[in-house]
Amino acid sequence: MLLYTAIISALSTLALGIVITTSPFMSLMYSILLYINVQLFLTLLGFEFMALIYALVYVGALAVLFLFVVMLIRVQAAAFLNLSTNITFWLLIIFDFSYAYSNLQFVFTSECLVCFGASLYTSFADLTIINSIALTAALFGSLV
């Protein structure tokens, strides 16, 4: 139960970091960390397939695309607000200590990952190829 509370507090901290930060680059980094934490939370809830799809779509494709867009428009890195830096620092410290004293352990089974890979490249092979073509076109479209 403590692990779920710690993950939800990290999710809310990262969501606040996205909104409070004045730098688009740091906002992008907070959103990537938010996607990864949502993936961890979905995995702990037992939605392994949804978590892997979430990581494949958001962290793997959209985050990289947004990173290229931010780099191409050459936005100058703005400074954090002092309030957001202090809040983020203290919440990360609290999260670290709450996780360090919990007795919960995450047990990873490789069967769900094997099933995901098998279904992705056998049953959904055509959709995977269409998805990769669309993401590649979006990547090159943002570069041109």
C-alpha atoms as a PDB file:
ATOM      1  CA  MET A   1       0.000   0.000   0.000  1.00  0.00           C
ATOM      2  CA  LEU A   2       2.895   2.324   0.745  1.00  0.00           C
ATOM      3  CA  LEU A   3       4.348   1.662  -2.705  1.00  0.00           C
ATOM      4  CA  TYR A   4       1.095   2.706  -4.389  1.00  0.00           C
ATOM      5  CA  THR A   5       1.001   5.884  -2.314  1.00  0.00           C
ATOM      6  CA  ALA A   6       4.607   6.664  -3.203  1.00  0.00           C
ATOM      7  CA  ILE A   7       3.972   6.138  -6.918  1.00  0.00           C
ATOM      8  CA  ILE A   8       0.843   8.292  -6.863  1.00  0.00           C
ATOM      9  CA  SER A   9       2.736  11.037  -5.025  1.00  0.00           C
ATOM     10  CA  ALA A  10       5.512  10.830  -7.630  1.00  0.00           C
ATOM     11  CA  LEU A  11       2.906  11.058 -10.401  1.00  0.00           C
ATOM     12  CA  SER A  12       1.364  14.158  -8.884  1.00  0.00           C
ATOM     13  CA  THR A  13       4.809  15.699  -8.308  1.00  0.00           C
ATOM     14  CA  LEU A  14       5.802  15.148 -11.925  1.00  0.00           C
ATOM     15  CA  ALA A  15       2.470  16.496 -13.169  1.00  0.00           C
ATOM     16  CA  LEU A  16       3.005  19.632 -11.093  1.00  0.00           C
ATOM     17  CA  GLY A  17       6.544  19.868 -12.440  1.00  0.00           C
ATOM     18  CA  ILE A  18       5.193  19.860 -16.000  1.00  0.00           C
ATOM     19  CA  VAL A  19       2.822  22.722 -15.232  1.00  0.00           C
ATOM     20  CA  ILE A  20       5.066  24.850 -12.988  1.00  0.00           C
ATOM     21  CA  THR A  21       8.304  24.657 -14.991  1.00  0.00           C
ATOM     22  CA  THR A  22       8.904  27.556 -17.354  1.00  0.00           C
ATOM     23  CA  SER A  23      11.373  25.687 -19.575  1.00  0.00           C
ATOM     24  CA  PRO A  24       9.801  23.579 -22.347  1.00  0.00           C
ATOM     25  CA  PHE A  25      12.762  21.218 -22.276  1.00  0.00           C
ATOM     26  CA  MET A  26      12.389  20.489 -18.560  1.00  0.00           C
ATOM     27  CA  SER A  27       8.642  20.161 -19.018  1.00  0.00           C
ATOM     28  CA  LEU A  28       9.353  17.540 -21.664  1.00  0.00           C
ATOM     29  CA  MET A  29      11.688  15.685 -19.311  1.00  0.00           C
ATOM     30  CA  TYR A  30       9.046  15.724 -16.583  1.00  0.00           C
ATOM     31  CA  SER A  31       6.495  14.340 -19.026  1.00  0.00           C
ATOM     32  CA  ILE A  32       8.831  11.504 -20.049  1.00  0.00           C
ATOM     33  CA  LEU A  33       9.341  10.624 -16.382  1.00  0.00           C
ATOM     34  CA  LEU A  34       5.588  10.824 -15.872  1.00  0.00           C
ATOM     35  CA  TYR A  35       5.012   8.354 -18.724  1.00  0.00           C
ATOM     36  CA  ILE A  36       7.546   5.952 -17.228  1.00  0.00           C
ATOM     37  CA  ASN A  37       5.937   6.181 -13.778  1.00  0.00           C
ATOM     38  CA  VAL A  38       2.485   5.572 -15.248  1.00  0.00           C
ATOM     39  CA  GLN A  39       3.920   2.505 -16.951  1.00  0.00           C
ATOM     40  CA  LEU A  40       5.268   1.261 -13.619  1.00  0.00           C
ATOM     41  CA  PHE A  41       1.927   1.902 -11.933  1.00  0.00           C
ATOM     42  CA  LEU A  42      -0.004   0.032 -14.649  1.00  0.00           C
ATOM     43  CA  THR A  43       2.427  -2.873 -14.363  1.00  0.00           C
ATOM     44  CA  LEU A  44       1.911  -3.052 -10.603  1.00  0.00           C
ATOM     45  CA  LEU A  45      -1.865  -3.021 -11.099  1.00  0.00           C
ATOM     46  CA  GLY A  46      -1.584  -6.010 -13.419  1.00  0.00           C
ATOM     47  CA  PHE A  47      -2.143  -4.303 -16.775  1.00  0.00           C
ATOM     48  CA  GLU A  48       1.143  -5.428 -18.323  1.00  0.00           C
ATOM     49  CA  PHE A  49      -0.021  -5.233 -21.922  1.00  0.00           C
ATOM     50  CA  MET A  50      -1.383  -1.710 -21.480  1.00  0.00           C
ATOM     51  CA  ALA A  51       1.820  -0.642 -19.728  1.00  0.00           C
ATOM     52  CA  LEU A  52       3.995  -1.973 -22.542  1.00  0.00           C
ATOM     53  CA  ILE A  53       1.828  -0.319 -25.194  1.00  0.00           C
ATOM     54  CA  TYR A  54       1.947   2.924 -23.206  1.00  0.00           C
ATOM     55  CA  ALA A  55       5.744   2.780 -23.062  1.00  0.00           C
ATOM     56  CA  LEU A  56       6.031   1.867 -26.716  1.00  0.00           C
ATOM     57  CA  VAL A  57       3.823   4.714 -27.904  1.00  0.00           C
ATOM     58  CA  TYR A  58       4.565   7.569 -25.528  1.00  0.00           C
ATOM     59  CA  VAL A  59       8.087   7.085 -24.263  1.00  0.00           C
ATOM     60  CA  GLY A  60       9.415   5.427 -27.369  1.00  0.00           C
ATOM     61  CA  ALA A  61       7.874   7.557 -30.082  1.00  0.00           C
ATOM     62  CA  LEU A  62       6.123  10.726 -28.973  1.00  0.00           C
ATOM     63  CA  ALA A  63       8.717  11.767 -26.415  1.00  0.00           C
ATOM     64  CA  VAL A  64      11.508  11.453 -28.977  1.00  0.00           C
ATOM     65  CA  LEU A  65       9.419  13.360 -31.522  1.00  0.00           C
ATOM     66  CA  PHE A  66       8.759  16.176 -29.058  1.00  0.00           C
ATOM     67  CA  LEU A  67      12.439  16.229 -28.152  1.00  0.00           C
ATOM     68  CA  PHE A  68      13.362  16.767 -31.799  1.00  0.00           C
ATOM     69  CA  VAL A  69      10.760  19.512 -32.139  1.00  0.00           C
ATOM     70  CA  VAL A  70      12.041  21.305 -29.039  1.00  0.00           C
ATOM     71  CA  MET A  71      15.603  21.025 -30.313  1.00  0.00           C
ATOM     72  CA  LEU A  72      14.656  22.291 -33.769  1.00  0.00           C
ATOM     73  CA  ILE A  73      12.890  25.435 -32.623  1.00  0.00           C
ATOM     74  CA  ARG A  74      15.924  26.240 -30.456  1.00  0.00           C
ATOM     75  CA  VAL A  75      14.076  27.311 -27.349  1.00  0.00           C
ATOM     76  CA  GLN A  76      16.378  28.832 -24.772  1.00  0.00           C
ATOM     77  CA  ALA A  77      16.354  26.991 -21.480  1.00  0.00           C
ATOM     78  CA  ALA A  78      14.579  29.099 -18.894  1.00  0.00           C
ATOM     79  CA  ALA A  79      15.265  28.905 -15.197  1.00  0.00           C
ATOM     80  CA  PHE A  80      13.047  27.060 -12.775  1.00  0.00           C
ATOM     81  CA  LEU A  81      10.853  28.876 -10.397  1.00  0.00           C
ATOM     82  CA  ASN A  82      12.389  28.712  -6.923  1.00  0.00           C
ATOM     83  CA  LEU A  83       9.148  27.312  -5.554  1.00  0.00           C
ATOM     84  CA  SER A  84       9.040  24.453  -8.042  1.00  0.00           C
ATOM     85  CA  THR A  85      12.669  23.533  -7.366  1.00  0.00           C
ATOM     86  CA  ASN A  86      12.112  23.396  -3.622  1.00  0.00           C
ATOM     87  CA  ILE A  87       8.872  21.434  -3.902  1.00  0.00           C
ATOM     88  CA  THR A  88      10.379  18.951  -6.350  1.00  0.00           C
ATOM     89  CA  PHE A  89      13.475  18.462  -4.222  1.00  0.00           C
ATOM     90  CA  TRP A  90      11.565  17.825  -0.986  1.00  0.00           C
ATOM     91  CA  LEU A  91       8.988  15.564  -2.592  1.00  0.00           C
ATOM     92  CA  LEU A  92      11.716  13.479  -4.185  1.00  0.00           C
ATOM     93  CA  ILE A  93      13.454  13.191  -0.802  1.00  0.00           C
ATOM     94  CA  ILE A  94      10.188  12.102   0.835  1.00  0.00           C
ATOM     95  CA  PHE A  95       9.560   9.606  -1.967  1.00  0.00           C
ATOM     96  CA  ASP A  96      13.068   8.206  -1.588  1.00  0.00           C
ATOM     97  CA  PHE A  97      12.733   7.685   2.166  1.00  0.00           C
ATOM     98  CA  SER A  98       9.218   6.253   1.924  1.00  0.00           C
ATOM     99  CA  TYR A  99      10.375   3.728  -0.661  1.00  0.00           C
ATOM    100  CA  ALA A 100      13.546   2.868   1.267  1.00  0.00           C
ATOM    101  CA  TYR A 101      11.618   1.850   4.382  1.00  0.00           C
ATOM    102  CA  SER A 102       8.924  -0.182   2.637  1.00  0.00           C
ATOM    103  CA  ASN A 103       9.100  -3.972   2.617  1.00  0.00           C
ATOM    104  CA  LEU A 104       7.417  -4.311  -0.769  1.00  0.00           C
ATOM    105  CA  GLN A 105       9.306  -5.796  -3.676  1.00  0.00           C
ATOM    106  CA  PHE A 106       8.476  -5.735  -7.356  1.00  0.00           C
ATOM    107  CA  VAL A 107       8.611  -9.195  -8.902  1.00  0.00           C
ATOM    108  CA  PHE A 108       9.039  -9.121 -12.678  1.00  0.00           C
ATOM    109  CA  THR A 109       7.954 -12.107 -14.705  1.00  0.00           C
ATOM    110  CA  SER A 110       9.254 -12.436 -18.214  1.00  0.00           C
ATOM    111  CA  GLU A 111       6.214 -14.367 -19.452  1.00  0.00           C
ATOM    112  CA  CYS A 112       4.170 -11.206 -20.001  1.00  0.00           C
ATOM    113  CA  LEU A 113       6.993  -9.623 -22.006  1.00  0.00           C
ATOM    114  CA  VAL A 114       7.362 -12.752 -24.135  1.00  0.00           C
ATOM    115  CA  CYS A 115       3.598 -12.823 -24.762  1.00  0.00           C
ATOM    116  CA  PHE A 116       3.673  -9.137 -25.693  1.00  0.00           C
ATOM    117  CA  GLY A 117       6.492  -9.632 -28.187  1.00  0.00           C
ATOM    118  CA  ALA A 118       4.894 -12.724 -29.680  1.00  0.00           C
ATOM    119  CA  SER A 119       1.523 -11.042 -30.142  1.00  0.00           C
ATOM    120  CA  LEU A 120       3.098  -7.837 -31.460  1.00  0.00           C
ATOM    121  CA  TYR A 121       5.053  -9.581 -34.202  1.00  0.00           C
ATOM    122  CA  THR A 122       2.585 -12.348 -35.105  1.00  0.00           C
ATOM    123  CA  SER A 123      -1.018 -11.249 -34.606  1.00  0.00           C
ATOM    124  CA  PHE A 124      -0.476  -7.504 -34.942  1.00  0.00           C
ATOM    125  CA  ALA A 125       2.419  -7.462 -37.413  1.00  0.00           C
ATOM    126  CA  ASP A 126       0.573  -5.378 -39.994  1.00  0.00           C
ATOM    127  CA  LEU A 127      -0.471  -2.799 -37.399  1.00  0.00           C
ATOM    128  CA  THR A 128       3.078  -2.647 -36.060  1.00  0.00           C
ATOM    129  CA  ILE A 129       4.445  -1.925 -39.539  1.00  0.00           C
ATOM    130  CA  ILE A 130       1.776   0.728 -40.195  1.00  0.00           C
ATOM    131  CA  ASN A 131       2.528   2.309 -36.816  1.00  0.00           C
ATOM    132  CA  SER A 132       6.265   2.392 -37.497  1.00  0.00           C
ATOM    133  CA  ILE A 133       5.715   3.959 -40.940  1.00  0.00           C
ATOM    134  CA  ALA A 134       3.409   6.622 -39.470  1.00  0.00           C
ATOM    135  CA  LEU A 135       5.868   7.462 -36.689  1.00  0.00           C
ATOM    136  CA  THR A 136       8.770   7.606 -39.129  1.00  0.00           C
ATOM    137  CA  ALA A 137       6.783   9.936 -41.404  1.00  0.00           C
ATOM    138  CA  ALA A 138       5.948  12.142 -38.417  1.00  0.00           C
ATOM    139  CA  LEU A 139       9.610  12.228 -37.399  1.00  0.00           C
ATOM    140  CA  PHE A 140      10.791  13.213 -40.868  1.00  0.00           C
ATOM    141  CA  GLY A 141       7.898  15.651 -41.216  1.00  0.00           C
ATOM    142  CA  SER A 142       9.037  17.489 -38.107  1.00  0.00           C
ATOM    143  CA  LEU A 143      12.617  17.658 -39.385  1.00  0.00           C
ATOM    144  CA  VAL A 144      11.697  19.156 -42.763  1.00  0.00           C
END
